[in-house]
């Protein structure tokens, strides 16, 4: 009797690990340096990334066009820059305008594109706003998103089990989702024990992690409806910037919405 042939399941299970590691390294080098610099340098990076991600969205929902998506991306970056400069009520209007522009141009799924476009703008504004008081708040947010994603990735593939939302994101499992919540709690405990965050941050963390997971699923939904695998090919072999920052968009949008109701138990600088 011959031994059964080895299946390709282990290879398929870990096939995208290299891509994720390279993407994480890229984000780490650029992100850490810009987070440390803060101020105008960080704001310019976020404005540029927002414009690129808006271009990716416009391009996915209106395939075959070239000038219109590019113009949309430039317009989005300009609106975010204006919102950061003028703040207050004018900022809200400027953040909505690019999304409305998507609704007024020929494309598929206009409503979805409009809502997601506004989410991209709000996330860009929120990242700049969260960095302005200091590093702890935005470091906590990014750490929650990354750790919950990594925990969900490994536990989901090792444990498996029931799918979270198979119609939209067939790879995500409930085991990975719950693991992401635990990872977010552990991140918050580090900030609590170092004196940078109140205990209520531990309760906020899994909610933010879940919003990040939904942000990932939302982008997968947009891509599925657009019939594309990646948002673009700007990062060679690894898709586009929306593919890398979709979870962060969901998390930041939630923080911005919750902040409308009052102050949140977010990490703050020592003595802040």
C-alpha atoms as a PDB file:
ATOM      1  CA  UNK A   1       0.000   0.000   0.000  1.00  0.00           C
ATOM      2  CA  UNK A   2       1.371   3.352  -1.002  1.00  0.00           C
ATOM      3  CA  UNK A   3       1.257   6.336   1.283  1.00  0.00           C
ATOM      4  CA  UNK A   4      -1.456   8.846   0.467  1.00  0.00           C
ATOM      5  CA  UNK A   5      -0.280  11.853  -1.439  1.00  0.00           C
ATOM      6  CA  UNK A   6       0.191  14.934   0.716  1.00  0.00           C
ATOM      7  CA  UNK A   7      -2.521  17.469   0.244  1.00  0.00           C
ATOM      8  CA  UNK A   8      -1.936  21.067  -0.725  1.00  0.00           C
ATOM      9  CA  UNK A   9      -3.979  22.288   2.244  1.00  0.00           C
ATOM     10  CA  UNK A  10      -1.007  23.421   4.414  1.00  0.00           C
ATOM     11  CA  UNK A  11       0.429  25.333   1.478  1.00  0.00           C
ATOM     12  CA  UNK A  12      -2.896  26.987   0.736  1.00  0.00           C
ATOM     13  CA  UNK A  13      -3.429  27.761   4.404  1.00  0.00           C
ATOM     14  CA  UNK A  14      -0.176  29.691   4.745  1.00  0.00           C
ATOM     15  CA  UNK A  15       0.214  30.780   1.138  1.00  0.00           C
ATOM     16  CA  UNK A  16      -0.310  34.480   1.815  1.00  0.00           C
ATOM     17  CA  UNK A  17       1.876  34.674   4.932  1.00  0.00           C
ATOM     18  CA  UNK A  18       4.875  36.060   3.053  1.00  0.00           C
ATOM     19  CA  UNK A  19       2.778  38.816   1.519  1.00  0.00           C
ATOM     20  CA  UNK A  20       1.413  39.821   4.903  1.00  0.00           C
ATOM     21  CA  UNK A  21       4.875  39.894   6.476  1.00  0.00           C
ATOM     22  CA  UNK A  22       6.295  42.070   3.710  1.00  0.00           C
ATOM     23  CA  UNK A  23       3.316  44.426   3.912  1.00  0.00           C
ATOM     24  CA  UNK A  24       3.696  44.623   7.700  1.00  0.00           C
ATOM     25  CA  UNK A  25       7.406  45.450   7.328  1.00  0.00           C
ATOM     26  CA  UNK A  26       6.613  48.179   4.801  1.00  0.00           C
ATOM     27  CA  UNK A  27       3.982  49.737   7.056  1.00  0.00           C
ATOM     28  CA  UNK A  28       6.277  49.466  10.063  1.00  0.00           C
ATOM     29  CA  UNK A  29       9.190  51.341   8.490  1.00  0.00           C
ATOM     30  CA  UNK A  30       7.124  54.141   6.976  1.00  0.00           C
ATOM     31  CA  UNK A  31       4.518  54.299   9.708  1.00  0.00           C
ATOM     32  CA  UNK A  32       6.860  54.394  12.701  1.00  0.00           C
ATOM     33  CA  UNK A  33       9.022  57.144  11.219  1.00  0.00           C
ATOM     34  CA  UNK A  34       6.042  59.305  10.291  1.00  0.00           C
ATOM     35  CA  UNK A  35       4.260  58.686  13.577  1.00  0.00           C
ATOM     36  CA  UNK A  36       7.394  59.766  15.399  1.00  0.00           C
ATOM     37  CA  UNK A  37       7.721  62.920  13.318  1.00  0.00           C
ATOM     38  CA  UNK A  38       4.042  63.834  13.569  1.00  0.00           C
ATOM     39  CA  UNK A  39       2.957  67.343  12.677  1.00  0.00           C
ATOM     40  CA  UNK A  40       2.986  68.447   9.052  1.00  0.00           C
ATOM     41  CA  UNK A  41       4.993  65.462   7.815  1.00  0.00           C
ATOM     42  CA  UNK A  42       2.487  62.964   9.197  1.00  0.00           C
ATOM     43  CA  UNK A  43      -0.469  65.011   7.973  1.00  0.00           C
ATOM     44  CA  UNK A  44       0.941  65.164   4.440  1.00  0.00           C
ATOM     45  CA  UNK A  45       1.449  61.397   4.407  1.00  0.00           C
ATOM     46  CA  UNK A  46      -2.148  60.758   5.502  1.00  0.00           C
ATOM     47  CA  UNK A  47      -3.492  63.282   2.977  1.00  0.00           C
ATOM     48  CA  UNK A  48      -1.542  61.549   0.184  1.00  0.00           C
ATOM     49  CA  UNK A  49      -2.661  58.072   1.302  1.00  0.00           C
ATOM     50  CA  UNK A  50      -6.265  59.228   1.499  1.00  0.00           C
ATOM     51  CA  UNK A  51      -6.084  60.551  -2.037  1.00  0.00           C
ATOM     52  CA  UNK A  52      -4.584  57.271  -3.272  1.00  0.00           C
ATOM     53  CA  UNK A  53      -7.210  55.151  -1.503  1.00  0.00           C
ATOM     54  CA  UNK A  54      -9.992  57.336  -2.852  1.00  0.00           C
ATOM     55  CA  UNK A  55      -8.549  56.886  -6.333  1.00  0.00           C
ATOM     56  CA  UNK A  56      -8.565  53.115  -5.800  1.00  0.00           C
ATOM     57  CA  UNK A  57     -12.231  53.210  -4.778  1.00  0.00           C
ATOM     58  CA  UNK A  58     -13.198  55.425  -7.713  1.00  0.00           C
ATOM     59  CA  UNK A  59     -11.261  53.194 -10.083  1.00  0.00           C
ATOM     60  CA  UNK A  60     -12.844  49.973  -8.785  1.00  0.00           C
ATOM     61  CA  UNK A  61     -16.381  51.301  -9.071  1.00  0.00           C
ATOM     62  CA  UNK A  62     -15.877  52.911 -12.492  1.00  0.00           C
ATOM     63  CA  UNK A  63     -13.590  50.523 -14.406  1.00  0.00           C
ATOM     64  CA  UNK A  64     -12.319  51.518 -17.809  1.00  0.00           C
ATOM     65  CA  UNK A  65     -11.978  55.182 -16.933  1.00  0.00           C
ATOM     66  CA  UNK A  66      -8.656  56.842 -16.241  1.00  0.00           C
ATOM     67  CA  UNK A  67      -9.046  60.574 -15.789  1.00  0.00           C
ATOM     68  CA  UNK A  68     -12.143  60.514 -13.590  1.00  0.00           C
ATOM     69  CA  UNK A  69     -10.710  58.296 -10.792  1.00  0.00           C
ATOM     70  CA  UNK A  70      -7.456  60.269 -10.825  1.00  0.00           C
ATOM     71  CA  UNK A  71      -9.352  63.543 -10.544  1.00  0.00           C
ATOM     72  CA  UNK A  72     -11.387  62.052  -7.693  1.00  0.00           C
ATOM     73  CA  UNK A  73      -8.228  61.128  -5.817  1.00  0.00           C
ATOM     74  CA  UNK A  74      -6.717  64.594  -6.199  1.00  0.00           C
ATOM     75  CA  UNK A  75     -10.024  66.188  -5.179  1.00  0.00           C
ATOM     76  CA  UNK A  76     -10.233  63.972  -2.070  1.00  0.00           C
ATOM     77  CA  UNK A  77      -6.688  64.863  -1.011  1.00  0.00           C
ATOM     78  CA  UNK A  78      -7.392  68.571  -1.513  1.00  0.00           C
ATOM     79  CA  UNK A  79     -10.609  68.360   0.517  1.00  0.00           C
ATOM     80  CA  UNK A  80      -8.853  66.590   3.379  1.00  0.00           C
ATOM     81  CA  UNK A  81      -6.073  69.175   3.362  1.00  0.00           C
ATOM     82  CA  UNK A  82      -8.706  71.908   3.497  1.00  0.00           C
ATOM     83  CA  UNK A  83     -10.531  70.152   6.323  1.00  0.00           C
ATOM     84  CA  UNK A  84      -7.333  69.869   8.357  1.00  0.00           C
ATOM     85  CA  UNK A  85      -6.511  73.542   7.786  1.00  0.00           C
ATOM     86  CA  UNK A  86      -9.957  75.020   8.485  1.00  0.00           C
ATOM     87  CA  UNK A  87     -11.457  72.456  10.901  1.00  0.00           C
ATOM     88  CA  UNK A  88     -14.817  73.171  12.591  1.00  0.00           C
ATOM     89  CA  UNK A  89     -17.990  73.048  10.466  1.00  0.00           C
ATOM     90  CA  UNK A  90     -16.183  73.521   7.152  1.00  0.00           C
ATOM     91  CA  UNK A  91     -14.262  70.306   7.735  1.00  0.00           C
ATOM     92  CA  UNK A  92     -17.469  68.252   7.822  1.00  0.00           C
ATOM     93  CA  UNK A  93     -18.561  69.660   4.479  1.00  0.00           C
ATOM     94  CA  UNK A  94     -15.185  69.079   2.868  1.00  0.00           C
ATOM     95  CA  UNK A  95     -15.082  65.469   4.067  1.00  0.00           C
ATOM     96  CA  UNK A  96     -18.475  64.736   2.521  1.00  0.00           C
ATOM     97  CA  UNK A  97     -17.888  66.432  -0.849  1.00  0.00           C
ATOM     98  CA  UNK A  98     -15.675  63.714  -2.436  1.00  0.00           C
ATOM     99  CA  UNK A  99     -18.243  61.053  -1.549  1.00  0.00           C
ATOM    100  CA  UNK A 100     -21.000  63.107  -3.130  1.00  0.00           C
ATOM    101  CA  UNK A 101     -18.831  63.495  -6.225  1.00  0.00           C
ATOM    102  CA  UNK A 102     -18.786  59.703  -6.521  1.00  0.00           C
ATOM    103  CA  UNK A 103     -22.579  59.685  -6.449  1.00  0.00           C
ATOM    104  CA  UNK A 104     -22.773  62.248  -9.254  1.00  0.00           C
ATOM    105  CA  UNK A 105     -20.503  60.415 -11.701  1.00  0.00           C
ATOM    106  CA  UNK A 106     -21.310  57.265 -13.715  1.00  0.00           C
ATOM    107  CA  UNK A 107     -20.309  54.136 -11.754  1.00  0.00           C
ATOM    108  CA  UNK A 108     -21.692  50.929 -10.319  1.00  0.00           C
ATOM    109  CA  UNK A 109     -23.060  50.815  -6.775  1.00  0.00           C
ATOM    110  CA  UNK A 110     -23.151  54.575  -6.308  1.00  0.00           C
ATOM    111  CA  UNK A 111     -24.593  54.415  -2.805  1.00  0.00           C
ATOM    112  CA  UNK A 112     -21.985  51.945  -1.599  1.00  0.00           C
ATOM    113  CA  UNK A 113     -19.189  53.961  -3.204  1.00  0.00           C
ATOM    114  CA  UNK A 114     -20.497  57.175  -1.631  1.00  0.00           C
ATOM    115  CA  UNK A 115     -20.686  55.749   1.898  1.00  0.00           C
ATOM    116  CA  UNK A 116     -17.310  54.054   1.644  1.00  0.00           C
ATOM    117  CA  UNK A 117     -15.771  57.187   0.139  1.00  0.00           C
ATOM    118  CA  UNK A 118     -16.971  59.262   3.093  1.00  0.00           C
ATOM    119  CA  UNK A 119     -15.555  56.616   5.444  1.00  0.00           C
ATOM    120  CA  UNK A 120     -12.137  56.969   3.794  1.00  0.00           C
ATOM    121  CA  UNK A 121     -12.259  60.737   4.246  1.00  0.00           C
ATOM    122  CA  UNK A 122     -13.361  60.526   7.892  1.00  0.00           C
ATOM    123  CA  UNK A 123     -10.610  57.989   8.610  1.00  0.00           C
ATOM    124  CA  UNK A 124      -7.962  60.244   7.076  1.00  0.00           C
ATOM    125  CA  UNK A 125      -9.141  63.213   9.117  1.00  0.00           C
ATOM    126  CA  UNK A 126      -9.381  61.066  12.242  1.00  0.00           C
ATOM    127  CA  UNK A 127      -5.816  59.757  11.968  1.00  0.00           C
ATOM    128  CA  UNK A 128      -4.438  63.284  11.781  1.00  0.00           C
ATOM    129  CA  UNK A 129      -6.677  64.387  14.654  1.00  0.00           C
ATOM    130  CA  UNK A 130      -5.672  61.430  16.859  1.00  0.00           C
ATOM    131  CA  UNK A 131      -1.955  62.125  16.341  1.00  0.00           C
ATOM    132  CA  UNK A 132      -2.150  65.806  17.266  1.00  0.00           C
ATOM    133  CA  UNK A 133      -2.301  65.409  21.116  1.00  0.00           C
ATOM    134  CA  UNK A 134       0.609  62.952  21.158  1.00  0.00           C
ATOM    135  CA  UNK A 135       1.549  59.367  20.383  1.00  0.00           C
ATOM    136  CA  UNK A 136      -0.320  57.136  22.908  1.00  0.00           C
ATOM    137  CA  UNK A 137      -3.842  57.326  21.427  1.00  0.00           C
ATOM    138  CA  UNK A 138      -2.904  56.617  17.828  1.00  0.00           C
ATOM    139  CA  UNK A 139      -0.309  54.001  18.821  1.00  0.00           C
ATOM    140  CA  UNK A 140      -2.987  52.195  20.833  1.00  0.00           C
ATOM    141  CA  UNK A 141      -5.429  52.308  17.936  1.00  0.00           C
ATOM    142  CA  UNK A 142      -2.914  51.011  15.395  1.00  0.00           C
ATOM    143  CA  UNK A 143      -1.687  48.320  17.805  1.00  0.00           C
ATOM    144  CA  UNK A 144      -5.262  47.143  18.450  1.00  0.00           C
ATOM    145  CA  UNK A 145      -5.928  46.860  14.710  1.00  0.00           C
ATOM    146  CA  UNK A 146      -2.645  45.090  13.878  1.00  0.00           C
ATOM    147  CA  UNK A 147      -2.649  42.683  16.839  1.00  0.00           C
ATOM    148  CA  UNK A 148      -6.319  41.758  16.388  1.00  0.00           C
ATOM    149  CA  UNK A 149      -5.690  41.146  12.679  1.00  0.00           C
ATOM    150  CA  UNK A 150      -2.592  39.007  13.312  1.00  0.00           C
ATOM    151  CA  UNK A 151      -4.298  37.042  16.104  1.00  0.00           C
ATOM    152  CA  UNK A 152      -7.347  36.481  13.938  1.00  0.00           C
ATOM    153  CA  UNK A 153      -5.186  35.393  11.006  1.00  0.00           C
ATOM    154  CA  UNK A 154      -3.211  32.744  12.884  1.00  0.00           C
ATOM    155  CA  UNK A 155      -5.973  31.441  15.144  1.00  0.00           C
ATOM    156  CA  UNK A 156      -8.459  31.385  12.281  1.00  0.00           C
ATOM    157  CA  UNK A 157      -6.157  29.207  10.197  1.00  0.00           C
ATOM    158  CA  UNK A 158      -5.028  26.968  13.066  1.00  0.00           C
ATOM    159  CA  UNK A 159      -8.422  26.452  14.706  1.00  0.00           C
ATOM    160  CA  UNK A 160     -10.823  27.079  11.821  1.00  0.00           C
ATOM    161  CA  UNK A 161     -14.463  26.471  12.608  1.00  0.00           C
ATOM    162  CA  UNK A 162     -17.648  28.295  11.579  1.00  0.00           C
ATOM    163  CA  UNK A 163     -17.235  31.122   9.084  1.00  0.00           C
ATOM    164  CA  UNK A 164     -17.995  34.654  10.219  1.00  0.00           C
ATOM    165  CA  UNK A 165     -19.547  35.927   6.968  1.00  0.00           C
ATOM    166  CA  UNK A 166     -18.819  33.413   4.199  1.00  0.00           C
ATOM    167  CA  UNK A 167     -20.813  35.209   1.488  1.00  0.00           C
ATOM    168  CA  UNK A 168     -18.504  38.237   1.660  1.00  0.00           C
ATOM    169  CA  UNK A 169     -15.281  37.078   3.313  1.00  0.00           C
ATOM    170  CA  UNK A 170     -15.029  33.280   3.063  1.00  0.00           C
ATOM    171  CA  UNK A 171     -11.708  33.023   4.937  1.00  0.00           C
ATOM    172  CA  UNK A 172     -12.778  34.740   8.170  1.00  0.00           C
ATOM    173  CA  UNK A 173     -13.895  32.525  11.039  1.00  0.00           C
ATOM    174  CA  UNK A 174     -15.528  33.145  14.396  1.00  0.00           C
ATOM    175  CA  UNK A 175     -12.464  31.686  16.114  1.00  0.00           C
ATOM    176  CA  UNK A 176     -10.270  34.281  14.441  1.00  0.00           C
ATOM    177  CA  UNK A 177     -12.714  37.059  15.266  1.00  0.00           C
ATOM    178  CA  UNK A 178     -12.798  36.197  18.968  1.00  0.00           C
ATOM    179  CA  UNK A 179      -9.008  35.817  19.021  1.00  0.00           C
ATOM    180  CA  UNK A 180      -8.783  39.337  17.622  1.00  0.00           C
ATOM    181  CA  UNK A 181     -10.869  40.633  20.498  1.00  0.00           C
ATOM    182  CA  UNK A 182      -8.579  38.978  23.052  1.00  0.00           C
ATOM    183  CA  UNK A 183      -5.552  40.424  21.275  1.00  0.00           C
ATOM    184  CA  UNK A 184      -7.065  43.909  21.482  1.00  0.00           C
ATOM    185  CA  UNK A 185      -7.680  43.481  25.218  1.00  0.00           C
ATOM    186  CA  UNK A 186      -4.048  42.420  25.781  1.00  0.00           C
ATOM    187  CA  UNK A 187      -2.819  45.506  23.928  1.00  0.00           C
ATOM    188  CA  UNK A 188      -4.978  47.722  26.111  1.00  0.00           C
ATOM    189  CA  UNK A 189      -3.746  46.065  29.306  1.00  0.00           C
ATOM    190  CA  UNK A 190      -0.205  47.046  28.332  1.00  0.00           C
ATOM    191  CA  UNK A 191      -1.285  50.677  28.037  1.00  0.00           C
ATOM    192  CA  UNK A 192      -3.198  50.474  31.331  1.00  0.00           C
ATOM    193  CA  UNK A 193      -0.290  48.995  33.295  1.00  0.00           C
ATOM    194  CA  UNK A 194       2.159  51.551  31.875  1.00  0.00           C
ATOM    195  CA  UNK A 195      -0.110  54.356  33.079  1.00  0.00           C
ATOM    196  CA  UNK A 196      -1.135  55.640  29.639  1.00  0.00           C
ATOM    197  CA  UNK A 197      -4.768  54.507  29.647  1.00  0.00           C
ATOM    198  CA  UNK A 198      -7.723  54.102  32.032  1.00  0.00           C
ATOM    199  CA  UNK A 199      -9.238  50.680  32.715  1.00  0.00           C
ATOM    200  CA  UNK A 200     -12.255  51.481  30.538  1.00  0.00           C
ATOM    201  CA  UNK A 201      -9.920  51.319  27.537  1.00  0.00           C
ATOM    202  CA  UNK A 202      -9.953  47.540  27.990  1.00  0.00           C
ATOM    203  CA  UNK A 203     -13.714  47.537  27.322  1.00  0.00           C
ATOM    204  CA  UNK A 204     -13.379  49.838  24.310  1.00  0.00           C
ATOM    205  CA  UNK A 205     -10.643  47.726  22.689  1.00  0.00           C
ATOM    206  CA  UNK A 206     -12.683  44.716  21.448  1.00  0.00           C
ATOM    207  CA  UNK A 207     -15.309  47.079  20.041  1.00  0.00           C
ATOM    208  CA  UNK A 208     -12.614  48.910  18.082  1.00  0.00           C
ATOM    209  CA  UNK A 209     -11.114  45.584  16.970  1.00  0.00           C
ATOM    210  CA  UNK A 210     -14.525  44.437  15.748  1.00  0.00           C
ATOM    211  CA  UNK A 211     -14.950  47.699  13.820  1.00  0.00           C
ATOM    212  CA  UNK A 212     -11.587  47.007  12.203  1.00  0.00           C
ATOM    213  CA  UNK A 213     -12.729  43.531  11.216  1.00  0.00           C
ATOM    214  CA  UNK A 214     -15.898  44.992   9.730  1.00  0.00           C
ATOM    215  CA  UNK A 215     -13.773  47.521   7.834  1.00  0.00           C
ATOM    216  CA  UNK A 216     -11.857  44.616   6.316  1.00  0.00           C
ATOM    217  CA  UNK A 217     -15.110  42.888   5.381  1.00  0.00           C
ATOM    218  CA  UNK A 218     -16.571  46.093   3.917  1.00  0.00           C
ATOM    219  CA  UNK A 219     -13.629  46.479   1.559  1.00  0.00           C
ATOM    220  CA  UNK A 220     -13.905  42.813   0.593  1.00  0.00           C
ATOM    221  CA  UNK A 221     -17.559  43.429  -0.226  1.00  0.00           C
ATOM    222  CA  UNK A 222     -16.727  46.404  -2.450  1.00  0.00           C
ATOM    223  CA  UNK A 223     -14.077  44.370  -4.280  1.00  0.00           C
ATOM    224  CA  UNK A 224     -16.404  41.404  -4.684  1.00  0.00           C
ATOM    225  CA  UNK A 225     -19.130  43.589  -6.192  1.00  0.00           C
ATOM    226  CA  UNK A 226     -16.549  45.244  -8.438  1.00  0.00           C
ATOM    227  CA  UNK A 227     -15.195  41.881  -9.591  1.00  0.00           C
ATOM    228  CA  UNK A 228     -11.588  42.578  -8.586  1.00  0.00           C
ATOM    229  CA  UNK A 229      -9.147  40.742  -6.336  1.00  0.00           C
ATOM    230  CA  UNK A 230      -7.136  43.774  -5.187  1.00  0.00           C
ATOM    231  CA  UNK A 231      -7.992  47.455  -4.901  1.00  0.00           C
ATOM    232  CA  UNK A 232      -4.996  48.215  -7.153  1.00  0.00           C
ATOM    233  CA  UNK A 233      -1.480  46.986  -7.922  1.00  0.00           C
ATOM    234  CA  UNK A 234       0.381  49.960  -6.442  1.00  0.00           C
ATOM    235  CA  UNK A 235       2.205  47.733  -3.955  1.00  0.00           C
ATOM    236  CA  UNK A 236       3.794  45.168  -6.285  1.00  0.00           C
ATOM    237  CA  UNK A 237       2.427  41.715  -5.598  1.00  0.00           C
ATOM    238  CA  UNK A 238       0.443  42.852  -2.566  1.00  0.00           C
ATOM    239  CA  UNK A 239      -2.550  44.746  -3.898  1.00  0.00           C
ATOM    240  CA  UNK A 240      -3.390  48.339  -3.101  1.00  0.00           C
ATOM    241  CA  UNK A 241      -3.417  50.645  -0.116  1.00  0.00           C
ATOM    242  CA  UNK A 242      -7.085  50.014   0.607  1.00  0.00           C
ATOM    243  CA  UNK A 243      -6.185  46.347   0.992  1.00  0.00           C
ATOM    244  CA  UNK A 244      -3.673  47.259   3.694  1.00  0.00           C
ATOM    245  CA  UNK A 245      -5.614  49.955   5.535  1.00  0.00           C
ATOM    246  CA  UNK A 246      -9.217  48.717   5.307  1.00  0.00           C
ATOM    247  CA  UNK A 247      -9.322  47.568   8.941  1.00  0.00           C
ATOM    248  CA  UNK A 248      -7.800  50.837  10.161  1.00  0.00           C
ATOM    249  CA  UNK A 249     -10.495  52.754   8.274  1.00  0.00           C
ATOM    250  CA  UNK A 250     -13.232  50.867  10.118  1.00  0.00           C
ATOM    251  CA  UNK A 251     -11.591  51.388  13.509  1.00  0.00           C
ATOM    252  CA  UNK A 252     -10.959  55.112  13.050  1.00  0.00           C
ATOM    253  CA  UNK A 253     -14.473  55.762  11.730  1.00  0.00           C
ATOM    254  CA  UNK A 254     -15.922  54.122  14.841  1.00  0.00           C
ATOM    255  CA  UNK A 255     -13.718  56.225  17.121  1.00  0.00           C
ATOM    256  CA  UNK A 256     -14.772  59.404  15.327  1.00  0.00           C
ATOM    257  CA  UNK A 257     -18.475  58.492  15.559  1.00  0.00           C
ATOM    258  CA  UNK A 258     -18.265  57.576  19.254  1.00  0.00           C
ATOM    259  CA  UNK A 259     -16.382  60.783  20.012  1.00  0.00           C
ATOM    260  CA  UNK A 260     -19.402  62.774  18.847  1.00  0.00           C
ATOM    261  CA  UNK A 261     -21.238  61.528  21.939  1.00  0.00           C
ATOM    262  CA  UNK A 262     -18.499  62.612  24.341  1.00  0.00           C
ATOM    263  CA  UNK A 263     -14.957  61.894  25.443  1.00  0.00           C
ATOM    264  CA  UNK A 264     -13.679  58.325  25.117  1.00  0.00           C
ATOM    265  CA  UNK A 265     -11.411  56.354  27.476  1.00  0.00           C
ATOM    266  CA  UNK A 266      -8.484  56.676  25.088  1.00  0.00           C
ATOM    267  CA  UNK A 267      -4.810  56.494  26.044  1.00  0.00           C
ATOM    268  CA  UNK A 268      -3.179  59.842  26.727  1.00  0.00           C
ATOM    269  CA  UNK A 269       0.369  61.107  27.373  1.00  0.00           C
ATOM    270  CA  UNK A 270       1.544  60.776  30.953  1.00  0.00           C
ATOM    271  CA  UNK A 271       0.170  63.707  32.885  1.00  0.00           C
ATOM    272  CA  UNK A 272      -2.292  64.397  30.010  1.00  0.00           C
END
